[in-house]
C-alpha atoms as a PDB file:
ATOM      1  CA  UNK A   1      -6.775 -51.811  49.884  1.00  0.00           C
ATOM      2  CA  UNK A   2      -7.364 -49.082  52.475  1.00  0.00           C
ATOM      3  CA  UNK A   3     -10.249 -47.094  52.450  1.00  0.00           C
ATOM      4  CA  UNK A   4      -9.942 -44.142  54.499  1.00  0.00           C
ATOM      5  CA  UNK A   5     -12.925 -42.330  56.150  1.00  0.00           C
ATOM      6  CA  UNK A   6     -10.956 -40.507  58.901  1.00  0.00           C
ATOM      7  CA  UNK A   7      -7.405 -38.984  58.748  1.00  0.00           C
ATOM      8  CA  UNK A   8      -6.061 -36.318  61.173  1.00  0.00           C
ATOM      9  CA  UNK A   9      -2.439 -34.881  60.708  1.00  0.00           C
ATOM     10  CA  UNK A  10      -0.421 -33.156  62.875  1.00  0.00           C
ATOM     11  CA  UNK A  11       0.465 -29.824  60.679  1.00  0.00           C
ATOM     12  CA  UNK A  12       4.279 -29.223  62.203  1.00  0.00           C
ATOM     13  CA  UNK A  13       5.660 -32.491  61.995  1.00  0.00           C
ATOM     14  CA  UNK A  14       3.229 -33.940  59.259  1.00  0.00           C
ATOM     15  CA  UNK A  15       2.730 -37.278  61.284  1.00  0.00           C
ATOM     16  CA  UNK A  16      -0.078 -38.991  60.774  1.00  0.00           C
ATOM     17  CA  UNK A  17      -2.085 -38.947  64.670  1.00  0.00           C
ATOM     18  CA  UNK A  18      -5.350 -40.744  63.990  1.00  0.00           C
ATOM     19  CA  UNK A  19      -6.467 -42.672  61.234  1.00  0.00           C
ATOM     20  CA  UNK A  20      -9.518 -44.722  60.178  1.00  0.00           C
ATOM     21  CA  UNK A  21     -10.227 -47.106  57.844  1.00  0.00           C
ATOM     22  CA  UNK A  22     -11.987 -50.105  56.078  1.00  0.00           C
ATOM     23  CA  UNK A  23     -10.354 -52.831  53.708  1.00  0.00           C
ATOM     24  CA  UNK A  24     -11.850 -53.300  50.495  1.00  0.00           C
ATOM     25  CA  UNK A  25     -10.824 -56.052  48.113  1.00  0.00           C
ATOM     26  CA  UNK A  26     -12.623 -55.634  44.650  1.00  0.00           C
ATOM     27  CA  UNK A  27     -12.807 -53.645  41.586  1.00  0.00           C
ATOM     28  CA  UNK A  28     -11.912 -49.919  42.063  1.00  0.00           C
ATOM     29  CA  UNK A  29     -14.863 -48.710  39.334  1.00  0.00           C
ATOM     30  CA  UNK A  30     -17.208 -51.136  42.072  1.00  0.00           C
ATOM     31  CA  UNK A  31     -16.252 -49.312  44.856  1.00  0.00           C
ATOM     32  CA  UNK A  32     -18.927 -46.600  46.147  1.00  0.00           C
ATOM     33  CA  UNK A  33     -18.897 -44.332  48.523  1.00  0.00           C
ATOM     34  CA  UNK A  34     -19.665 -44.518  52.503  1.00  0.00           C
ATOM     35  CA  UNK A  35     -22.499 -43.273  53.754  1.00  0.00           C
ATOM     36  CA  UNK A  36     -22.406 -42.205  57.758  1.00  0.00           C
ATOM     37  CA  UNK A  37     -19.711 -43.867  58.226  1.00  0.00           C
ATOM     38  CA  UNK A  38     -21.195 -47.678  57.039  1.00  0.00           C
ATOM     39  CA  UNK A  39     -19.990 -49.973  54.461  1.00  0.00           C
ATOM     40  CA  UNK A  40     -22.788 -49.983  52.338  1.00  0.00           C
ATOM     41  CA  UNK A  41     -21.603 -48.538  49.286  1.00  0.00           C
ATOM     42  CA  UNK A  42     -23.716 -46.815  46.578  1.00  0.00           C
ATOM     43  CA  UNK A  43     -23.596 -46.747  42.637  1.00  0.00           C
ATOM     44  CA  UNK A  44     -22.975 -43.040  41.326  1.00  0.00           C
ATOM     45  CA  UNK A  45     -22.798 -44.162  37.592  1.00  0.00           C
ATOM     46  CA  UNK A  46     -25.092 -41.750  35.471  1.00  0.00           C
ATOM     47  CA  UNK A  47     -26.300 -44.410  32.873  1.00  0.00           C
ATOM     48  CA  UNK A  48     -28.851 -42.126  31.039  1.00  0.00           C
ATOM     49  CA  UNK A  49     -25.735 -39.538  30.712  1.00  0.00           C
ATOM     50  CA  UNK A  50     -23.845 -41.952  29.211  1.00  0.00           C
ATOM     51  CA  UNK A  51     -26.610 -43.249  26.959  1.00  0.00           C
ATOM     52  CA  UNK A  52     -27.239 -39.515  25.897  1.00  0.00           C
ATOM     53  CA  UNK A  53     -23.410 -38.899  24.836  1.00  0.00           C
ATOM     54  CA  UNK A  54     -22.980 -42.235  23.057  1.00  0.00           C
ATOM     55  CA  UNK A  55     -26.158 -40.973  21.135  1.00  0.00           C
ATOM     56  CA  UNK A  56     -24.551 -37.765  20.274  1.00  0.00           C
ATOM     57  CA  UNK A  57     -21.349 -39.300  19.724  1.00  0.00           C
ATOM     58  CA  UNK A  58     -22.461 -41.437  16.785  1.00  0.00           C
ATOM     59  CA  UNK A  59     -24.989 -38.734  15.496  1.00  0.00           C
ATOM     60  CA  UNK A  60     -21.545 -36.465  15.190  1.00  0.00           C
ATOM     61  CA  UNK A  61     -19.821 -39.508  13.504  1.00  0.00           C
ATOM     62  CA  UNK A  62     -22.531 -39.649  11.002  1.00  0.00           C
ATOM     63  CA  UNK A  63     -22.165 -36.145  10.419  1.00  0.00           C
ATOM     64  CA  UNK A  64     -18.649 -36.467   9.530  1.00  0.00           C
ATOM     65  CA  UNK A  65     -19.491 -39.064   7.317  1.00  0.00           C
ATOM     66  CA  UNK A  66     -21.914 -36.902   5.451  1.00  0.00           C
ATOM     67  CA  UNK A  67     -19.276 -34.305   5.429  1.00  0.00           C
ATOM     68  CA  UNK A  68     -16.499 -36.240   4.063  1.00  0.00           C
ATOM     69  CA  UNK A  69     -18.556 -37.792   1.419  1.00  0.00           C
ATOM     70  CA  UNK A  70     -19.797 -34.772   0.029  1.00  0.00           C
ATOM     71  CA  UNK A  71     -15.961 -33.631   0.205  1.00  0.00           C
ATOM     72  CA  UNK A  72     -15.340 -36.729  -1.594  1.00  0.00           C
ATOM     73  CA  UNK A  73     -17.980 -36.003  -4.611  1.00  0.00           C
ATOM     74  CA  UNK A  74     -17.649 -32.922  -5.257  1.00  0.00           C
ATOM     75  CA  UNK A  75     -14.611 -31.118  -3.654  1.00  0.00           C
ATOM     76  CA  UNK A  76     -12.010 -33.423  -4.243  1.00  0.00           C
ATOM     77  CA  UNK A  77     -12.172 -33.500  -7.679  1.00  0.00           C
ATOM     78  CA  UNK A  78     -12.224 -29.733  -8.572  1.00  0.00           C
ATOM     79  CA  UNK A  79      -9.568 -29.897  -6.238  1.00  0.00           C
ATOM     80  CA  UNK A  80      -7.760 -32.527  -8.466  1.00  0.00           C
ATOM     81  CA  UNK A  81      -8.827 -30.744 -11.598  1.00  0.00           C
ATOM     82  CA  UNK A  82      -7.591 -27.186 -10.150  1.00  0.00           C
ATOM     83  CA  UNK A  83      -4.388 -28.822  -9.639  1.00  0.00           C
ATOM     84  CA  UNK A  84      -4.016 -30.322 -12.655  1.00  0.00           C
ATOM     85  CA  UNK A  85      -4.984 -27.161 -14.732  1.00  0.00           C
ATOM     86  CA  UNK A  86      -2.116 -25.812 -13.157  1.00  0.00           C
ATOM     87  CA  UNK A  87       0.255 -28.029 -13.354  1.00  0.00           C
ATOM     88  CA  UNK A  88      -0.506 -27.276 -17.186  1.00  0.00           C
ATOM     89  CA  UNK A  89      -0.020 -23.644 -17.298  1.00  0.00           C
ATOM     90  CA  UNK A  90       3.096 -23.319 -15.268  1.00  0.00           C
ATOM     91  CA  UNK A  91       5.854 -24.154 -17.960  1.00  0.00           C
ATOM     92  CA  UNK A  92       3.665 -21.051 -20.107  1.00  0.00           C
ATOM     93  CA  UNK A  93       3.787 -18.608 -17.428  1.00  0.00           C
ATOM     94  CA  UNK A  94       7.414 -19.806 -16.442  1.00  0.00           C
ATOM     95  CA  UNK A  95       8.046 -18.551 -19.861  1.00  0.00           C
ATOM     96  CA  UNK A  96       6.057 -15.535 -20.047  1.00  0.00           C
ATOM     97  CA  UNK A  97       7.800 -14.447 -17.008  1.00  0.00           C
ATOM     98  CA  UNK A  98      11.623 -15.041 -18.240  1.00  0.00           C
ATOM     99  CA  UNK A  99      10.452 -13.247 -21.317  1.00  0.00           C
ATOM    100  CA  UNK A 100       9.916 -10.532 -19.666  1.00  0.00           C
ATOM    101  CA  UNK A 101      12.713 -10.393 -17.580  1.00  0.00           C
ATOM    102  CA  UNK A 102      15.188 -10.693 -20.826  1.00  0.00           C
ATOM    103  CA  UNK A 103      13.037  -7.515 -21.966  1.00  0.00           C
ATOM    104  CA  UNK A 104      13.901  -5.746 -18.685  1.00  0.00           C
ATOM    105  CA  UNK A 105      16.986  -6.157 -18.697  1.00  0.00           C
ATOM    106  CA  UNK A 106      17.743  -5.276 -22.016  1.00  0.00           C
ATOM    107  CA  UNK A 107      15.394  -1.572 -22.041  1.00  0.00           C
ATOM    108  CA  UNK A 108      17.512  -1.628 -18.752  1.00  0.00           C
ATOM    109  CA  UNK A 109      20.590   0.569 -20.482  1.00  0.00           C
ATOM    110  CA  UNK A 110      18.114   2.608 -22.334  1.00  0.00           C
ATOM    111  CA  UNK A 111      16.011   3.356 -19.435  1.00  0.00           C
ATOM    112  CA  UNK A 112      18.979   4.167 -17.215  1.00  0.00           C
ATOM    113  CA  UNK A 113      20.504   6.919 -20.277  1.00  0.00           C
ATOM    114  CA  UNK A 114      16.932   8.082 -20.213  1.00  0.00           C
ATOM    115  CA  UNK A 115      16.834   8.894 -16.164  1.00  0.00           C
ATOM    116  CA  UNK A 116      20.851  10.029 -15.963  1.00  0.00           C
ATOM    117  CA  UNK A 117      19.204  12.897 -18.805  1.00  0.00           C
ATOM    118  CA  UNK A 118      16.555  14.000 -16.685  1.00  0.00           C
ATOM    119  CA  UNK A 119      18.641  14.367 -13.438  1.00  0.00           C
ATOM    120  CA  UNK A 120      20.624  16.208 -15.564  1.00  0.00           C
ATOM    121  CA  UNK A 121      18.399  18.436 -16.983  1.00  0.00           C
ATOM    122  CA  UNK A 122      16.491  18.981 -13.460  1.00  0.00           C
ATOM    123  CA  UNK A 123      19.585  19.666 -11.838  1.00  0.00           C
ATOM    124  CA  UNK A 124      20.692  22.267 -14.455  1.00  0.00           C
ATOM    125  CA  UNK A 125      17.659  24.036 -15.093  1.00  0.00           C
ATOM    126  CA  UNK A 126      16.965  27.232 -16.833  1.00  0.00           C
ATOM    127  CA  UNK A 127      18.998  30.361 -17.667  1.00  0.00           C
ATOM    128  CA  UNK A 128      16.770  32.915 -15.707  1.00  0.00           C
ATOM    129  CA  UNK A 129      18.942  36.108 -17.197  1.00  0.00           C
ATOM    130  CA  UNK A 130      17.810  33.857 -20.968  1.00  0.00           C
ATOM    131  CA  UNK A 131      14.024  33.960 -19.748  1.00  0.00           C
ATOM    132  CA  UNK A 132      14.383  37.610 -18.825  1.00  0.00           C
ATOM    133  CA  UNK A 133      16.110  38.418 -21.968  1.00  0.00           C
ATOM    134  CA  UNK A 134      13.505  36.646 -23.895  1.00  0.00           C
ATOM    135  CA  UNK A 135      10.215  38.004 -22.901  1.00  0.00           C
ATOM    136  CA  UNK A 136      11.882  41.832 -22.870  1.00  0.00           C
ATOM    137  CA  UNK A 137      12.790  41.457 -26.152  1.00  0.00           C
ATOM    138  CA  UNK A 138       9.055  39.935 -26.980  1.00  0.00           C
ATOM    139  CA  UNK A 139       7.470  42.623 -24.993  1.00  0.00           C
ATOM    140  CA  UNK A 140       9.627  45.559 -26.896  1.00  0.00           C
ATOM    141  CA  UNK A 141       8.630  44.203 -30.593  1.00  0.00           C
ATOM    142  CA  UNK A 142       5.155  44.392 -29.769  1.00  0.00           C
ATOM    143  CA  UNK A 143       5.389  47.947 -29.215  1.00  0.00           C
ATOM    144  CA  UNK A 144       7.392  49.069 -31.744  1.00  0.00           C
ATOM    145  CA  UNK A 145       4.842  48.063 -34.061  1.00  0.00           C
ATOM    146  CA  UNK A 146       2.108  49.806 -31.498  1.00  0.00           C
ATOM    147  CA  UNK A 147       4.127  53.009 -31.668  1.00  0.00           C
ATOM    148  CA  UNK A 148       4.191  52.955 -35.261  1.00  0.00           C
ATOM    149  CA  UNK A 149       0.540  52.515 -35.573  1.00  0.00           C
ATOM    150  CA  UNK A 150      -0.302  55.361 -33.071  1.00  0.00           C
ATOM    151  CA  UNK A 151       2.262  57.754 -34.592  1.00  0.00           C
ATOM    152  CA  UNK A 152       0.445  57.009 -38.412  1.00  0.00           C
ATOM    153  CA  UNK A 153      -2.766  57.542 -36.610  1.00  0.00           C
ATOM    154  CA  UNK A 154      -1.825  60.928 -35.308  1.00  0.00           C
ATOM    155  CA  UNK A 155      -0.374  62.330 -38.037  1.00  0.00           C
ATOM    156  CA  UNK A 156      -4.089  61.165 -40.019  1.00  0.00           C
ATOM    157  CA  UNK A 157      -5.396  63.413 -37.238  1.00  0.00           C
ATOM    158  CA  UNK A 158      -3.652  66.183 -38.087  1.00  0.00           C
ATOM    159  CA  UNK A 159      -1.546  66.288 -34.799  1.00  0.00           C
ATOM    160  CA  UNK A 160       1.902  67.951 -34.984  1.00  0.00           C
ATOM    161  CA  UNK A 161       4.628  65.813 -33.801  1.00  0.00           C
ATOM    162  CA  UNK A 162       6.320  69.005 -32.151  1.00  0.00           C
ATOM    163  CA  UNK A 163       2.944  69.854 -30.121  1.00  0.00           C
ATOM    164  CA  UNK A 164       2.489  69.597 -26.459  1.00  0.00           C
ATOM    165  CA  UNK A 165      -0.386  67.231 -27.210  1.00  0.00           C
ATOM    166  CA  UNK A 166       1.685  65.103 -29.011  1.00  0.00           C
ATOM    167  CA  UNK A 167       4.078  64.707 -26.638  1.00  0.00           C
ATOM    168  CA  UNK A 168       2.266  64.159 -23.899  1.00  0.00           C
ATOM    169  CA  UNK A 169       0.688  60.890 -25.360  1.00  0.00           C
ATOM    170  CA  UNK A 170       3.961  59.922 -26.258  1.00  0.00           C
ATOM    171  CA  UNK A 171       5.149  60.278 -22.754  1.00  0.00           C
ATOM    172  CA  UNK A 172       1.962  57.775 -21.639  1.00  0.00           C
ATOM    173  CA  UNK A 173       3.246  55.735 -23.794  1.00  0.00           C
ATOM    174  CA  UNK A 174       6.523  55.420 -22.975  1.00  0.00           C
ATOM    175  CA  UNK A 175       5.429  54.690 -19.475  1.00  0.00           C
ATOM    176  CA  UNK A 176       3.047  52.128 -20.259  1.00  0.00           C
ATOM    177  CA  UNK A 177       5.831  50.840 -22.131  1.00  0.00           C
ATOM    178  CA  UNK A 178       8.545  50.689 -19.560  1.00  0.00           C
ATOM    179  CA  UNK A 179       5.847  49.165 -17.059  1.00  0.00           C
ATOM    180  CA  UNK A 180       4.879  46.183 -19.428  1.00  0.00           C
ATOM    181  CA  UNK A 181       8.545  45.973 -20.115  1.00  0.00           C
ATOM    182  CA  UNK A 182       8.901  45.646 -16.500  1.00  0.00           C
ATOM    183  CA  UNK A 183       5.913  43.459 -15.808  1.00  0.00           C
ATOM    184  CA  UNK A 184       6.971  40.746 -18.186  1.00  0.00           C
ATOM    185  CA  UNK A 185      10.852  40.507 -17.195  1.00  0.00           C
ATOM    186  CA  UNK A 186       9.659  40.417 -13.470  1.00  0.00           C
ATOM    187  CA  UNK A 187       6.759  37.391 -14.718  1.00  0.00           C
ATOM    188  CA  UNK A 188      10.005  35.454 -16.453  1.00  0.00           C
ATOM    189  CA  UNK A 189      12.175  35.694 -13.722  1.00  0.00           C
ATOM    190  CA  UNK A 190       9.395  33.862 -11.439  1.00  0.00           C
ATOM    191  CA  UNK A 191       8.563  31.688 -13.910  1.00  0.00           C
ATOM    192  CA  UNK A 192      11.726  30.396 -14.717  1.00  0.00           C
ATOM    193  CA  UNK A 193      12.450  30.005 -10.524  1.00  0.00           C
ATOM    194  CA  UNK A 194       9.637  28.509 -10.498  1.00  0.00           C
ATOM    195  CA  UNK A 195      10.339  26.281 -13.180  1.00  0.00           C
ATOM    196  CA  UNK A 196      14.062  25.398 -11.295  1.00  0.00           C
ATOM    197  CA  UNK A 197      12.452  24.608  -8.148  1.00  0.00           C
ATOM    198  CA  UNK A 198      10.055  22.238  -9.500  1.00  0.00           C
ATOM    199  CA  UNK A 199      12.881  20.271 -11.488  1.00  0.00           C
ATOM    200  CA  UNK A 200      14.835  20.064  -8.176  1.00  0.00           C
ATOM    201  CA  UNK A 201      11.803  19.095  -6.622  1.00  0.00           C
ATOM    202  CA  UNK A 202      11.207  16.058  -9.037  1.00  0.00           C
ATOM    203  CA  UNK A 203      14.932  15.023  -9.557  1.00  0.00           C
ATOM    204  CA  UNK A 204      15.100  14.525  -5.217  1.00  0.00           C
ATOM    205  CA  UNK A 205      12.452  12.372  -5.308  1.00  0.00           C
ATOM    206  CA  UNK A 206      13.045  10.500  -8.375  1.00  0.00           C
ATOM    207  CA  UNK A 207      14.740   7.138  -7.926  1.00  0.00           C
ATOM    208  CA  UNK A 208      16.375   5.843 -11.331  1.00  0.00           C
ATOM    209  CA  UNK A 209      16.008   2.114 -10.090  1.00  0.00           C
ATOM    210  CA  UNK A 210      11.828   2.314  -8.728  1.00  0.00           C
ATOM    211  CA  UNK A 211      11.055   3.720 -12.680  1.00  0.00           C
ATOM    212  CA  UNK A 212      13.396   0.364 -13.762  1.00  0.00           C
ATOM    213  CA  UNK A 213      11.692  -2.360 -11.370  1.00  0.00           C
ATOM    214  CA  UNK A 214       8.055  -0.356 -12.408  1.00  0.00           C
ATOM    215  CA  UNK A 215       8.683  -1.159 -16.114  1.00  0.00           C
ATOM    216  CA  UNK A 216       9.571  -4.745 -15.240  1.00  0.00           C
ATOM    217  CA  UNK A 217       6.541  -4.984 -13.711  1.00  0.00           C
ATOM    218  CA  UNK A 218       4.147  -3.294 -16.321  1.00  0.00           C
ATOM    219  CA  UNK A 219       5.871  -5.673 -18.240  1.00  0.00           C
ATOM    220  CA  UNK A 220       5.030  -9.027 -16.315  1.00  0.00           C
ATOM    221  CA  UNK A 221       1.368  -7.582 -16.213  1.00  0.00           C
END
């Protein structure tokens, strides 16, 4: 076997132009490096380092055995018991889940009908004119009692119904009544329009399927 100590190569042709080597016949592991071109060999094996690495490897094996013994003594029995417990409860959990699905399926038509009623009521809304008429009637009825009470009070005070004072009091009451009637109608109209808007907003964001799935999840929990 050739042990090259010097090689010269032509980089253009990649041809070897000169080489120096020694012949070696023996184990490769025992082949040491030359020094100063001579044929003497030196031992490059670090026995102290190899001894330390071997001791560390044995110590790591001891740690692995200790950990395995701990797992085998404590963790393994727990995992086996846990798996057995899960196997025992699995049929009951499956049966409970089936019952929940059956109940949800039976409730589905009712929930769908309720959802349809909700959407219909939300999109239909309330009658704005009806709300205004009701508010006007309520306010007028309240003023009816107020006017009668005021007339009786003026009569007890001896105020002549044909006098200017009485006419002034009546005109002020009529002005106040008209303002309150107008305010009641406006408030009823604004309230009805806002309610219709809120209903449409709820209908737009409502998802019947999501409601049914939420009911199924509640039954499962």
